[in-house]
Amino acid sequence: MKIVIDTSAAIEVALNRQKSEAISKLLSQADVVLSPDLFVAEASNTFWKYYKIVGLPLVRCEQGLSDVLNLVDEFVPTLPLAQEVFSASCIVQHSAYDLFFAILARRMDAILISIDEKLINCCKNLGVKTEL
């Protein structure tokens, strides 16, 4: 089974939140875990926000970033996805950032793991398989 994990789901695991156990179980069943290379920038920025705004200790943020990066087996370049993502974002009226994950999942015939309800709803309209 192929899985694409988005940043929201990865952060959920790294911070051991409510859905982390279910996400971890799905990840353990995957043959490969993929994510667009955009994931690296999003995860880095998210932990910067947790440090700067929420006050999460720096060492915890550094470990969290390391943890989320280690969840992914392969980072896929975003450039080859860009045109399809742009078209899909116009169709479903949703952020192109999020749709990089959805379109990668669709192209790879993978399951998208996300806790972003709006993205999950868009995936239904795009024919993208989701879990959670």
C-alpha atoms as a PDB file:
ATOM      1  CA  MET A   1       0.000   0.000   0.000  1.00  0.00           C
ATOM      2  CA  LYS A   2       1.249   3.484  -0.914  1.00  0.00           C
ATOM      3  CA  ILE A   3       0.532   6.388   1.397  1.00  0.00           C
ATOM      4  CA  VAL A   4       0.929  10.119   0.916  1.00  0.00           C
ATOM      5  CA  ILE A   5       1.084  11.899   4.242  1.00  0.00           C
ATOM      6  CA  ASP A   6       0.359  15.584   4.531  1.00  0.00           C
ATOM      7  CA  THR A   7       1.915  17.955   7.020  1.00  0.00           C
ATOM      8  CA  SER A   8      -1.151  18.100   9.281  1.00  0.00           C
ATOM      9  CA  ALA A   9      -1.116  14.341   9.821  1.00  0.00           C
ATOM     10  CA  ALA A  10       2.638  14.226  10.348  1.00  0.00           C
ATOM     11  CA  ILE A  11       2.493  17.005  12.954  1.00  0.00           C
ATOM     12  CA  GLU A  12      -0.322  15.105  14.685  1.00  0.00           C
ATOM     13  CA  VAL A  13       2.008  12.113  15.041  1.00  0.00           C
ATOM     14  CA  ALA A  14       5.053  14.137  16.103  1.00  0.00           C
ATOM     15  CA  LEU A  15       3.109  15.912  18.840  1.00  0.00           C
ATOM     16  CA  ASN A  16       1.341  12.693  19.900  1.00  0.00           C
ATOM     17  CA  ARG A  17      -2.107  14.182  19.557  1.00  0.00           C
ATOM     18  CA  GLN A  18      -5.553  12.596  19.397  1.00  0.00           C
ATOM     19  CA  LYS A  19      -5.252  10.874  15.998  1.00  0.00           C
ATOM     20  CA  SER A  20      -1.558   9.993  16.215  1.00  0.00           C
ATOM     21  CA  GLU A  21      -2.137   6.335  17.063  1.00  0.00           C
ATOM     22  CA  ALA A  22      -4.479   5.778  14.110  1.00  0.00           C
ATOM     23  CA  ILE A  23      -2.091   7.566  11.749  1.00  0.00           C
ATOM     24  CA  SER A  24       0.890   5.591  13.024  1.00  0.00           C
ATOM     25  CA  LYS A  25      -1.005   2.343  12.500  1.00  0.00           C
ATOM     26  CA  LEU A  26      -1.722   3.250   8.865  1.00  0.00           C
ATOM     27  CA  LEU A  27       1.888   4.275   8.301  1.00  0.00           C
ATOM     28  CA  SER A  28       3.126   0.967   9.680  1.00  0.00           C
ATOM     29  CA  GLN A  29       1.045  -0.846   7.052  1.00  0.00           C
ATOM     30  CA  ALA A  30       2.466   1.154   4.139  1.00  0.00           C
ATOM     31  CA  ASP A  31       4.953  -0.234   1.658  1.00  0.00           C
ATOM     32  CA  VAL A  32       6.080   3.322   0.973  1.00  0.00           C
ATOM     33  CA  VAL A  33       5.255   6.741   2.451  1.00  0.00           C
ATOM     34  CA  LEU A  34       5.478   9.642   0.023  1.00  0.00           C
ATOM     35  CA  SER A  35       5.078  13.371   0.259  1.00  0.00           C
ATOM     36  CA  PRO A  36       5.725  16.296  -2.066  1.00  0.00           C
ATOM     37  CA  ASP A  37       8.964  18.114  -1.241  1.00  0.00           C
ATOM     38  CA  LEU A  38       6.787  21.043  -0.171  1.00  0.00           C
ATOM     39  CA  PHE A  39       6.300  19.020   3.034  1.00  0.00           C
ATOM     40  CA  VAL A  40       9.798  19.984   4.229  1.00  0.00           C
ATOM     41  CA  ALA A  41       9.060  23.719   4.052  1.00  0.00           C
ATOM     42  CA  GLU A  42       5.593  23.356   5.586  1.00  0.00           C
ATOM     43  CA  ALA A  43       6.831  21.222   8.478  1.00  0.00           C
ATOM     44  CA  SER A  44       9.762  23.562   9.150  1.00  0.00           C
ATOM     45  CA  ASN A  45       7.457  26.573   9.187  1.00  0.00           C
ATOM     46  CA  THR A  46       4.916  24.832  11.407  1.00  0.00           C
ATOM     47  CA  PHE A  47       7.501  24.030  14.046  1.00  0.00           C
ATOM     48  CA  TRP A  48       8.857  27.573  13.800  1.00  0.00           C
ATOM     49  CA  LYS A  49       5.329  28.793  14.600  1.00  0.00           C
ATOM     50  CA  TYR A  50       5.079  26.369  17.529  1.00  0.00           C
ATOM     51  CA  TYR A  51       8.361  27.768  18.851  1.00  0.00           C
ATOM     52  CA  LYS A  52       7.695  31.442  18.161  1.00  0.00           C
ATOM     53  CA  ILE A  53       3.951  31.720  18.836  1.00  0.00           C
ATOM     54  CA  VAL A  54       2.974  28.772  21.040  1.00  0.00           C
ATOM     55  CA  GLY A  55       6.206  28.698  23.027  1.00  0.00           C
ATOM     56  CA  LEU A  56       7.028  25.032  22.476  1.00  0.00           C
ATOM     57  CA  PRO A  57      10.644  24.555  23.601  1.00  0.00           C
ATOM     58  CA  LEU A  58      13.244  24.772  20.840  1.00  0.00           C
ATOM     59  CA  VAL A  59      14.580  21.293  21.520  1.00  0.00           C
ATOM     60  CA  ARG A  60      11.051  19.847  21.201  1.00  0.00           C
ATOM     61  CA  CYS A  61      10.512  21.676  17.924  1.00  0.00           C
ATOM     62  CA  GLU A  62      13.838  20.428  16.553  1.00  0.00           C
ATOM     63  CA  GLN A  63      12.957  16.873  17.549  1.00  0.00           C
ATOM     64  CA  GLY A  64       9.447  17.238  16.122  1.00  0.00           C
ATOM     65  CA  LEU A  65      10.830  18.383  12.783  1.00  0.00           C
ATOM     66  CA  SER A  66      13.235  15.473  12.711  1.00  0.00           C
ATOM     67  CA  ASP A  67      10.415  13.080  13.586  1.00  0.00           C
ATOM     68  CA  VAL A  68       8.096  14.265  10.812  1.00  0.00           C
ATOM     69  CA  LEU A  69      10.841  14.205   8.204  1.00  0.00           C
ATOM     70  CA  ASN A  70      11.628  10.614   9.176  1.00  0.00           C
ATOM     71  CA  LEU A  71       8.010   9.555   8.555  1.00  0.00           C
ATOM     72  CA  VAL A  72       8.491  10.009   4.803  1.00  0.00           C
ATOM     73  CA  ASP A  73      10.358   7.475   2.682  1.00  0.00           C
ATOM     74  CA  GLU A  74      10.446   9.573  -0.485  1.00  0.00           C
ATOM     75  CA  PHE A  75      10.000  13.275  -1.161  1.00  0.00           C
ATOM     76  CA  VAL A  76       8.593  13.881  -4.643  1.00  0.00           C
ATOM     77  CA  PRO A  77       9.460  17.088  -6.551  1.00  0.00           C
ATOM     78  CA  THR A  78       6.558  19.520  -6.853  1.00  0.00           C
ATOM     79  CA  LEU A  79       7.454  20.963 -10.266  1.00  0.00           C
ATOM     80  CA  PRO A  80       6.016  18.053 -12.294  1.00  0.00           C
ATOM     81  CA  LEU A  81       2.772  18.319 -10.302  1.00  0.00           C
ATOM     82  CA  ALA A  82       2.309  22.087 -10.633  1.00  0.00           C
ATOM     83  CA  GLN A  83       0.031  22.336 -13.687  1.00  0.00           C
ATOM     84  CA  GLU A  84      -2.286  19.574 -12.523  1.00  0.00           C
ATOM     85  CA  VAL A  85      -2.396  21.055  -9.015  1.00  0.00           C
ATOM     86  CA  PHE A  86      -3.221  24.499 -10.358  1.00  0.00           C
ATOM     87  CA  SER A  87      -6.066  23.136 -12.477  1.00  0.00           C
ATOM     88  CA  ALA A  88      -7.451  21.109  -9.578  1.00  0.00           C
ATOM     89  CA  SER A  89      -7.260  24.060  -7.195  1.00  0.00           C
ATOM     90  CA  CYS A  90      -9.291  26.164  -9.623  1.00  0.00           C
ATOM     91  CA  ILE A  91     -11.883  23.402  -9.980  1.00  0.00           C
ATOM     92  CA  VAL A  92     -12.380  22.716  -6.267  1.00  0.00           C
ATOM     93  CA  GLN A  93     -11.603  26.261  -5.090  1.00  0.00           C
ATOM     94  CA  HIS A  94      -8.977  25.126  -2.591  1.00  0.00           C
ATOM     95  CA  SER A  95      -5.382  26.055  -1.803  1.00  0.00           C
ATOM     96  CA  ALA A  96      -2.808  24.771  -4.246  1.00  0.00           C
ATOM     97  CA  TYR A  97      -0.466  24.096  -1.310  1.00  0.00           C
ATOM     98  CA  ASP A  98      -2.805  21.429   0.023  1.00  0.00           C
ATOM     99  CA  LEU A  99      -3.599  19.994  -3.366  1.00  0.00           C
ATOM    100  CA  PHE A 100       0.027  19.044  -4.009  1.00  0.00           C
ATOM    101  CA  PHE A 101      -0.578  16.246  -1.498  1.00  0.00           C
ATOM    102  CA  ALA A 102      -3.899  15.215  -3.044  1.00  0.00           C
ATOM    103  CA  ILE A 103      -2.655  15.226  -6.624  1.00  0.00           C
ATOM    104  CA  LEU A 104       0.447  13.267  -5.672  1.00  0.00           C
ATOM    105  CA  ALA A 105      -1.792  10.660  -4.037  1.00  0.00           C
ATOM    106  CA  ARG A 106      -3.997  10.487  -7.123  1.00  0.00           C
ATOM    107  CA  ARG A 107      -1.034  10.158  -9.488  1.00  0.00           C
ATOM    108  CA  MET A 108       0.583   7.437  -7.386  1.00  0.00           C
ATOM    109  CA  ASP A 109      -2.696   5.594  -6.722  1.00  0.00           C
ATOM    110  CA  ALA A 110      -1.971   6.113  -3.046  1.00  0.00           C
ATOM    111  CA  ILE A 111      -4.062   6.854   0.003  1.00  0.00           C
ATOM    112  CA  LEU A 112      -3.811  10.385   1.367  1.00  0.00           C
ATOM    113  CA  ILE A 113      -3.488  10.622   5.137  1.00  0.00           C
ATOM    114  CA  SER A 114      -4.650  14.015   6.400  1.00  0.00           C
ATOM    115  CA  ILE A 115      -6.562  15.491   9.313  1.00  0.00           C
ATOM    116  CA  ASP A 116      -7.520  18.559   7.273  1.00  0.00           C
ATOM    117  CA  GLU A 117     -11.281  18.167   6.800  1.00  0.00           C
ATOM    118  CA  LYS A 118     -11.489  20.724   3.977  1.00  0.00           C
ATOM    119  CA  LEU A 119      -8.767  18.908   2.059  1.00  0.00           C
ATOM    120  CA  ILE A 120     -10.456  15.556   2.658  1.00  0.00           C
ATOM    121  CA  ASN A 121     -13.708  16.963   1.249  1.00  0.00           C
ATOM    122  CA  CYS A 122     -11.866  18.240  -1.835  1.00  0.00           C
ATOM    123  CA  CYS A 123     -10.369  14.790  -2.316  1.00  0.00           C
ATOM    124  CA  LYS A 124     -13.849  13.320  -2.722  1.00  0.00           C
ATOM    125  CA  ASN A 125     -14.418  15.626  -5.703  1.00  0.00           C
ATOM    126  CA  LEU A 126     -11.004  14.790  -7.166  1.00  0.00           C
ATOM    127  CA  GLY A 127     -11.217  11.010  -6.880  1.00  0.00           C
ATOM    128  CA  VAL A 128      -8.459  10.810  -4.284  1.00  0.00           C
ATOM    129  CA  LYS A 129      -8.567   8.031  -1.707  1.00  0.00           C
ATOM    130  CA  THR A 130      -8.263   9.189   1.918  1.00  0.00           C
ATOM    131  CA  GLU A 131      -8.082   7.565   5.327  1.00  0.00           C
ATOM    132  CA  LEU A 132      -8.978   8.671   8.868  1.00  0.00           C
END
